[in-house]
Amino acid sequence: MFKNTIVIILASMLLVLTGCGMGKNPTTSFMRENTNLALIQTVAVLPFEGGGRAPRIRELTMTQLLATDIFDLVDKGRVDIFLRQEAIVPGSPIDLFTLRRLGESLNVQAALFGSVEQASESRGSAVFSEITLTLRLIDCESGVLLWQASGIGSGYSLADRLFGFAPKDSFQVTLDLLDELFATMQ
């Protein structure tokens, strides 16, 4: 009887720790068929849509993209100057003609667009950061979407709550999500 009780308790604990967590946050991606990203050497990261924290997320995206060593990046100052000269409001759509001029002016083969939504969520007494991010890589010559990835990052962890650890902050959640999204590119 005692042996059965221990087995039931251990099995219950295992189910709680493995089955009741949120699991891996969902990400989804698209890569155009017959696309060779190795042909793209330099990319311009345009201002992201999404409000007050979008500039910070753009900076982190540039840092993580450089860290992956997939592409070289044009300085964001040059991108912002180009957009000002063209009288383009950051975050607004760009037509093919302007995209081609961007490619020629900055000597880039593609542009990275992004949209971000960041929030603080709560479950019971725990408050944690959550971010939703979509990145799009567009060919400057043709305007064709080469790659797109979307994902949700969360600082929530059932194990952290059970053992009293602090949730991940928004910085770490963002870096982890960017790593997941860029991994779909390779």
C-alpha atoms as a PDB file:
ATOM      1  CA  MET A   1       0.000   0.000   0.000  1.00  0.00           C
ATOM      2  CA  PHE A   2       2.808   2.395   0.970  1.00  0.00           C
ATOM      3  CA  LYS A   3       4.660   1.649  -2.295  1.00  0.00           C
ATOM      4  CA  ASN A   4       1.543   2.403  -4.382  1.00  0.00           C
ATOM      5  CA  THR A   5       1.050   5.721  -2.585  1.00  0.00           C
ATOM      6  CA  ILE A   6       4.615   6.806  -3.349  1.00  0.00           C
ATOM      7  CA  VAL A   7       4.231   5.830  -7.009  1.00  0.00           C
ATOM      8  CA  ILE A   8       0.980   7.800  -7.263  1.00  0.00           C
ATOM      9  CA  ILE A   9       2.540  10.873  -5.623  1.00  0.00           C
ATOM     10  CA  LEU A  10       5.618  10.758  -7.878  1.00  0.00           C
ATOM     11  CA  ALA A  11       3.491  10.261 -10.994  1.00  0.00           C
ATOM     12  CA  SER A  12       1.269  13.190  -9.978  1.00  0.00           C
ATOM     13  CA  MET A  13       4.279  15.448  -9.438  1.00  0.00           C
ATOM     14  CA  LEU A  14       5.694  14.463 -12.811  1.00  0.00           C
ATOM     15  CA  LEU A  15       2.395  15.251 -14.534  1.00  0.00           C
ATOM     16  CA  VAL A  16       2.140  18.627 -12.806  1.00  0.00           C
ATOM     17  CA  LEU A  17       5.679  19.647 -13.721  1.00  0.00           C
ATOM     18  CA  THR A  18       5.535  18.484 -17.343  1.00  0.00           C
ATOM     19  CA  GLY A  19       1.906  18.776 -18.355  1.00  0.00           C
ATOM     20  CA  CYS A  20       0.663  21.933 -16.737  1.00  0.00           C
ATOM     21  CA  GLY A  21       3.331  24.333 -17.929  1.00  0.00           C
ATOM     22  CA  MET A  22       2.771  26.677 -20.806  1.00  0.00           C
ATOM     23  CA  GLY A  23       5.244  24.769 -22.921  1.00  0.00           C
ATOM     24  CA  LYS A  24       7.254  26.385 -25.656  1.00  0.00           C
ATOM     25  CA  ASN A  25       5.883  29.656 -26.916  1.00  0.00           C
ATOM     26  CA  PRO A  26       4.556  29.397 -30.446  1.00  0.00           C
ATOM     27  CA  THR A  27       6.578  30.688 -33.391  1.00  0.00           C
ATOM     28  CA  THR A  28       5.794  30.364 -37.043  1.00  0.00           C
ATOM     29  CA  SER A  29       7.855  31.242 -40.092  1.00  0.00           C
ATOM     30  CA  PHE A  30       7.793  31.383 -43.873  1.00  0.00           C
ATOM     31  CA  MET A  31      10.712  31.122 -46.281  1.00  0.00           C
ATOM     32  CA  ARG A  32      10.068  31.663 -49.971  1.00  0.00           C
ATOM     33  CA  GLU A  33      10.928  28.609 -52.066  1.00  0.00           C
ATOM     34  CA  ASN A  34      14.232  28.723 -53.934  1.00  0.00           C
ATOM     35  CA  THR A  35      15.411  31.633 -51.793  1.00  0.00           C
ATOM     36  CA  ASN A  36      19.100  31.722 -51.001  1.00  0.00           C
ATOM     37  CA  LEU A  37      19.667  34.200 -48.191  1.00  0.00           C
ATOM     38  CA  ALA A  38      23.425  33.784 -48.646  1.00  0.00           C
ATOM     39  CA  LEU A  39      23.112  36.092 -51.668  1.00  0.00           C
ATOM     40  CA  ILE A  40      21.989  38.900 -49.366  1.00  0.00           C
ATOM     41  CA  GLN A  41      24.995  40.591 -47.835  1.00  0.00           C
ATOM     42  CA  THR A  42      23.653  43.820 -46.350  1.00  0.00           C
ATOM     43  CA  VAL A  43      20.268  44.611 -44.808  1.00  0.00           C
ATOM     44  CA  ALA A  44      18.588  47.825 -43.655  1.00  0.00           C
ATOM     45  CA  VAL A  45      16.485  47.502 -40.497  1.00  0.00           C
ATOM     46  CA  LEU A  46      13.613  49.958 -40.770  1.00  0.00           C
ATOM     47  CA  PRO A  47      11.772  51.455 -37.775  1.00  0.00           C
ATOM     48  CA  PHE A  48       9.321  48.990 -36.254  1.00  0.00           C
ATOM     49  CA  GLU A  49       5.600  49.508 -35.852  1.00  0.00           C
ATOM     50  CA  GLY A  50       4.173  49.215 -32.393  1.00  0.00           C
ATOM     51  CA  GLY A  51       4.418  52.278 -30.228  1.00  0.00           C
ATOM     52  CA  GLY A  52       6.784  53.428 -27.521  1.00  0.00           C
ATOM     53  CA  ARG A  53       8.939  50.338 -27.093  1.00  0.00           C
ATOM     54  CA  ALA A  54       9.370  49.647 -30.804  1.00  0.00           C
ATOM     55  CA  PRO A  55      12.631  51.679 -31.099  1.00  0.00           C
ATOM     56  CA  ARG A  56      14.176  49.643 -28.272  1.00  0.00           C
ATOM     57  CA  ILE A  57      13.098  46.372 -29.896  1.00  0.00           C
ATOM     58  CA  ARG A  58      14.588  47.583 -33.199  1.00  0.00           C
ATOM     59  CA  GLU A  59      17.936  48.153 -31.445  1.00  0.00           C
ATOM     60  CA  LEU A  60      17.859  44.694 -29.859  1.00  0.00           C
ATOM     61  CA  THR A  61      16.917  43.151 -33.206  1.00  0.00           C
ATOM     62  CA  MET A  62      19.904  44.790 -34.872  1.00  0.00           C
ATOM     63  CA  THR A  63      22.244  43.593 -32.125  1.00  0.00           C
ATOM     64  CA  GLN A  64      20.960  40.015 -32.261  1.00  0.00           C
ATOM     65  CA  LEU A  65      21.037  39.960 -36.070  1.00  0.00           C
ATOM     66  CA  LEU A  66      24.666  41.091 -36.028  1.00  0.00           C
ATOM     67  CA  ALA A  67      25.428  38.455 -33.386  1.00  0.00           C
ATOM     68  CA  THR A  68      24.032  35.706 -35.635  1.00  0.00           C
ATOM     69  CA  ASP A  69      26.435  36.819 -38.397  1.00  0.00           C
ATOM     70  CA  ILE A  70      23.830  36.133 -41.082  1.00  0.00           C
ATOM     71  CA  PHE A  71      23.904  39.623 -42.623  1.00  0.00           C
ATOM     72  CA  ASP A  72      25.802  42.849 -42.349  1.00  0.00           C
ATOM     73  CA  LEU A  73      23.648  45.828 -41.363  1.00  0.00           C
ATOM     74  CA  VAL A  74      23.539  49.450 -42.403  1.00  0.00           C
ATOM     75  CA  ASP A  75      23.700  51.910 -39.515  1.00  0.00           C
ATOM     76  CA  LYS A  76      20.225  52.890 -38.356  1.00  0.00           C
ATOM     77  CA  GLY A  77      21.166  56.568 -38.608  1.00  0.00           C
ATOM     78  CA  ARG A  78      21.650  56.230 -42.367  1.00  0.00           C
ATOM     79  CA  VAL A  79      18.287  54.437 -42.653  1.00  0.00           C
ATOM     80  CA  ASP A  80      16.535  57.141 -40.618  1.00  0.00           C
ATOM     81  CA  ILE A  81      18.135  59.922 -42.692  1.00  0.00           C
ATOM     82  CA  PHE A  82      16.957  58.233 -45.905  1.00  0.00           C
ATOM     83  CA  LEU A  83      13.405  57.985 -44.549  1.00  0.00           C
ATOM     84  CA  ARG A  84      13.444  61.667 -43.506  1.00  0.00           C
ATOM     85  CA  GLN A  85      14.757  62.760 -46.920  1.00  0.00           C
ATOM     86  CA  GLU A  86      11.984  60.777 -48.603  1.00  0.00           C
ATOM     87  CA  ALA A  87       9.417  62.247 -46.167  1.00  0.00           C
ATOM     88  CA  ILE A  88       8.363  58.760 -45.066  1.00  0.00           C
ATOM     89  CA  VAL A  89       6.805  58.476 -41.643  1.00  0.00           C
ATOM     90  CA  PRO A  90       8.485  55.621 -39.722  1.00  0.00           C
ATOM     91  CA  GLY A  91       6.234  52.578 -39.648  1.00  0.00           C
ATOM     92  CA  SER A  92       4.258  53.548 -42.740  1.00  0.00           C
ATOM     93  CA  PRO A  93       4.154  51.326 -45.842  1.00  0.00           C
ATOM     94  CA  ILE A  94       6.848  51.754 -48.484  1.00  0.00           C
ATOM     95  CA  ASP A  95       6.126  51.345 -52.192  1.00  0.00           C
ATOM     96  CA  LEU A  96       8.355  49.374 -54.560  1.00  0.00           C
ATOM     97  CA  PHE A  97       9.870  52.488 -56.162  1.00  0.00           C
ATOM     98  CA  THR A  98      10.968  53.812 -52.741  1.00  0.00           C
ATOM     99  CA  LEU A  99      12.203  50.375 -51.692  1.00  0.00           C
ATOM    100  CA  ARG A 100      14.412  50.244 -54.795  1.00  0.00           C
ATOM    101  CA  ARG A 101      15.791  53.726 -54.033  1.00  0.00           C
ATOM    102  CA  LEU A 102      16.488  52.584 -50.472  1.00  0.00           C
ATOM    103  CA  GLY A 103      18.434  49.613 -51.816  1.00  0.00           C
ATOM    104  CA  GLU A 104      20.449  51.765 -54.212  1.00  0.00           C
ATOM    105  CA  SER A 105      21.100  54.639 -51.774  1.00  0.00           C
ATOM    106  CA  LEU A 106      22.200  52.459 -48.879  1.00  0.00           C
ATOM    107  CA  ASN A 107      23.700  49.661 -50.992  1.00  0.00           C
ATOM    108  CA  VAL A 108      21.496  46.998 -49.383  1.00  0.00           C
ATOM    109  CA  GLN A 109      19.864  43.973 -50.944  1.00  0.00           C
ATOM    110  CA  ALA A 110      16.990  43.648 -48.460  1.00  0.00           C
ATOM    111  CA  ALA A 111      15.056  45.534 -45.812  1.00  0.00           C
ATOM    112  CA  LEU A 112      13.862  44.139 -42.493  1.00  0.00           C
ATOM    113  CA  PHE A 113      10.471  45.374 -41.305  1.00  0.00           C
ATOM    114  CA  GLY A 114       8.979  44.578 -37.928  1.00  0.00           C
ATOM    115  CA  SER A 115       5.954  45.025 -35.745  1.00  0.00           C
ATOM    116  CA  VAL A 116       5.927  44.575 -32.006  1.00  0.00           C
ATOM    117  CA  GLU A 117       3.396  44.390 -29.230  1.00  0.00           C
ATOM    118  CA  GLN A 118       4.621  44.293 -25.664  1.00  0.00           C
ATOM    119  CA  ALA A 119       2.602  43.907 -22.508  1.00  0.00           C
ATOM    120  CA  SER A 120       2.815  42.904 -18.898  1.00  0.00           C
ATOM    121  CA  GLU A 121       0.568  40.003 -18.027  1.00  0.00           C
ATOM    122  CA  SER A 122      -0.415  38.663 -14.654  1.00  0.00           C
ATOM    123  CA  ARG A 123      -1.423  35.275 -13.331  1.00  0.00           C
ATOM    124  CA  GLY A 124      -2.435  35.394  -9.740  1.00  0.00           C
ATOM    125  CA  SER A 125       0.182  37.443  -7.934  1.00  0.00           C
ATOM    126  CA  ALA A 126       2.848  36.951 -10.625  1.00  0.00           C
ATOM    127  CA  VAL A 127       3.467  39.721 -13.156  1.00  0.00           C
ATOM    128  CA  PHE A 128       5.544  38.823 -16.202  1.00  0.00           C
ATOM    129  CA  SER A 129       6.551  40.327 -19.520  1.00  0.00           C
ATOM    130  CA  GLU A 130       5.107  39.139 -22.810  1.00  0.00           C
ATOM    131  CA  ILE A 131       6.059  40.231 -26.323  1.00  0.00           C
ATOM    132  CA  THR A 132       4.620  39.455 -29.745  1.00  0.00           C
ATOM    133  CA  LEU A 133       6.968  40.126 -32.643  1.00  0.00           C
ATOM    134  CA  THR A 134       6.714  39.770 -36.417  1.00  0.00           C
ATOM    135  CA  LEU A 135       9.737  40.275 -38.682  1.00  0.00           C
ATOM    136  CA  ARG A 136       9.656  40.493 -42.500  1.00  0.00           C
ATOM    137  CA  LEU A 137      12.643  40.439 -44.868  1.00  0.00           C
ATOM    138  CA  ILE A 138      11.814  42.102 -48.203  1.00  0.00           C
ATOM    139  CA  ASP A 139      13.989  42.065 -51.335  1.00  0.00           C
ATOM    140  CA  CYS A 140      14.758  45.688 -52.294  1.00  0.00           C
ATOM    141  CA  GLU A 141      14.880  45.044 -56.036  1.00  0.00           C
ATOM    142  CA  SER A 142      11.671  43.067 -56.509  1.00  0.00           C
ATOM    143  CA  GLY A 143       9.693  43.888 -53.352  1.00  0.00           C
ATOM    144  CA  VAL A 144       9.150  40.159 -52.786  1.00  0.00           C
ATOM    145  CA  LEU A 145       8.767  38.818 -49.259  1.00  0.00           C
ATOM    146  CA  LEU A 146      11.732  36.483 -48.723  1.00  0.00           C
ATOM    147  CA  TRP A 147      11.215  35.491 -45.090  1.00  0.00           C
ATOM    148  CA  GLN A 148       8.741  36.191 -42.341  1.00  0.00           C
ATOM    149  CA  ALA A 149       8.571  34.942 -38.774  1.00  0.00           C
ATOM    150  CA  SER A 150       6.208  35.641 -35.901  1.00  0.00           C
ATOM    151  CA  GLY A 151       6.367  34.589 -32.309  1.00  0.00           C
ATOM    152  CA  ILE A 152       5.324  35.188 -28.756  1.00  0.00           C
ATOM    153  CA  GLY A 153       7.853  35.397 -25.961  1.00  0.00           C
ATOM    154  CA  SER A 154       6.848  35.174 -22.330  1.00  0.00           C
ATOM    155  CA  GLY A 155       8.629  35.554 -19.029  1.00  0.00           C
ATOM    156  CA  TYR A 156       6.160  33.179 -17.398  1.00  0.00           C
ATOM    157  CA  SER A 157       7.345  29.787 -16.222  1.00  0.00           C
ATOM    158  CA  LEU A 158       5.455  27.344 -14.044  1.00  0.00           C
ATOM    159  CA  ALA A 159       8.728  26.062 -12.595  1.00  0.00           C
ATOM    160  CA  ASP A 160       9.728  29.627 -11.649  1.00  0.00           C
ATOM    161  CA  ARG A 161       6.414  30.127  -9.890  1.00  0.00           C
ATOM    162  CA  LEU A 162       6.599  26.791  -8.080  1.00  0.00           C
ATOM    163  CA  PHE A 163      10.121  27.391  -6.811  1.00  0.00           C
ATOM    164  CA  GLY A 164       9.796  31.133  -6.173  1.00  0.00           C
ATOM    165  CA  PHE A 165      12.136  32.401  -8.884  1.00  0.00           C
ATOM    166  CA  ALA A 166      11.592  35.773 -10.523  1.00  0.00           C
ATOM    167  CA  PRO A 167      10.191  35.713 -14.068  1.00  0.00           C
ATOM    168  CA  LYS A 168      12.401  36.720 -17.005  1.00  0.00           C
ATOM    169  CA  ASP A 169      12.479  40.462 -17.598  1.00  0.00           C
ATOM    170  CA  SER A 170      11.401  42.032 -20.898  1.00  0.00           C
ATOM    171  CA  PHE A 171      15.015  42.292 -22.096  1.00  0.00           C
ATOM    172  CA  GLN A 172      15.684  38.559 -21.734  1.00  0.00           C
ATOM    173  CA  VAL A 173      12.268  37.639 -23.151  1.00  0.00           C
ATOM    174  CA  THR A 174      12.990  39.779 -26.230  1.00  0.00           C
ATOM    175  CA  LEU A 175      16.464  38.295 -26.773  1.00  0.00           C
ATOM    176  CA  ASP A 176      15.159  34.737 -26.441  1.00  0.00           C
ATOM    177  CA  LEU A 177      12.344  35.416 -28.912  1.00  0.00           C
ATOM    178  CA  LEU A 178      14.696  37.034 -31.436  1.00  0.00           C
ATOM    179  CA  ASP A 179      17.012  34.025 -31.228  1.00  0.00           C
ATOM    180  CA  GLU A 180      14.053  31.708 -31.921  1.00  0.00           C
ATOM    181  CA  LEU A 181      12.899  33.788 -34.892  1.00  0.00           C
ATOM    182  CA  PHE A 182      16.359  34.129 -36.447  1.00  0.00           C
ATOM    183  CA  ALA A 183      16.939  30.390 -36.046  1.00  0.00           C
ATOM    184  CA  THR A 184      14.145  29.851 -38.605  1.00  0.00           C
ATOM    185  CA  MET A 185      16.230  31.775 -41.140  1.00  0.00           C
ATOM    186  CA  GLN A 186      19.122  29.307 -41.187  1.00  0.00           C
END
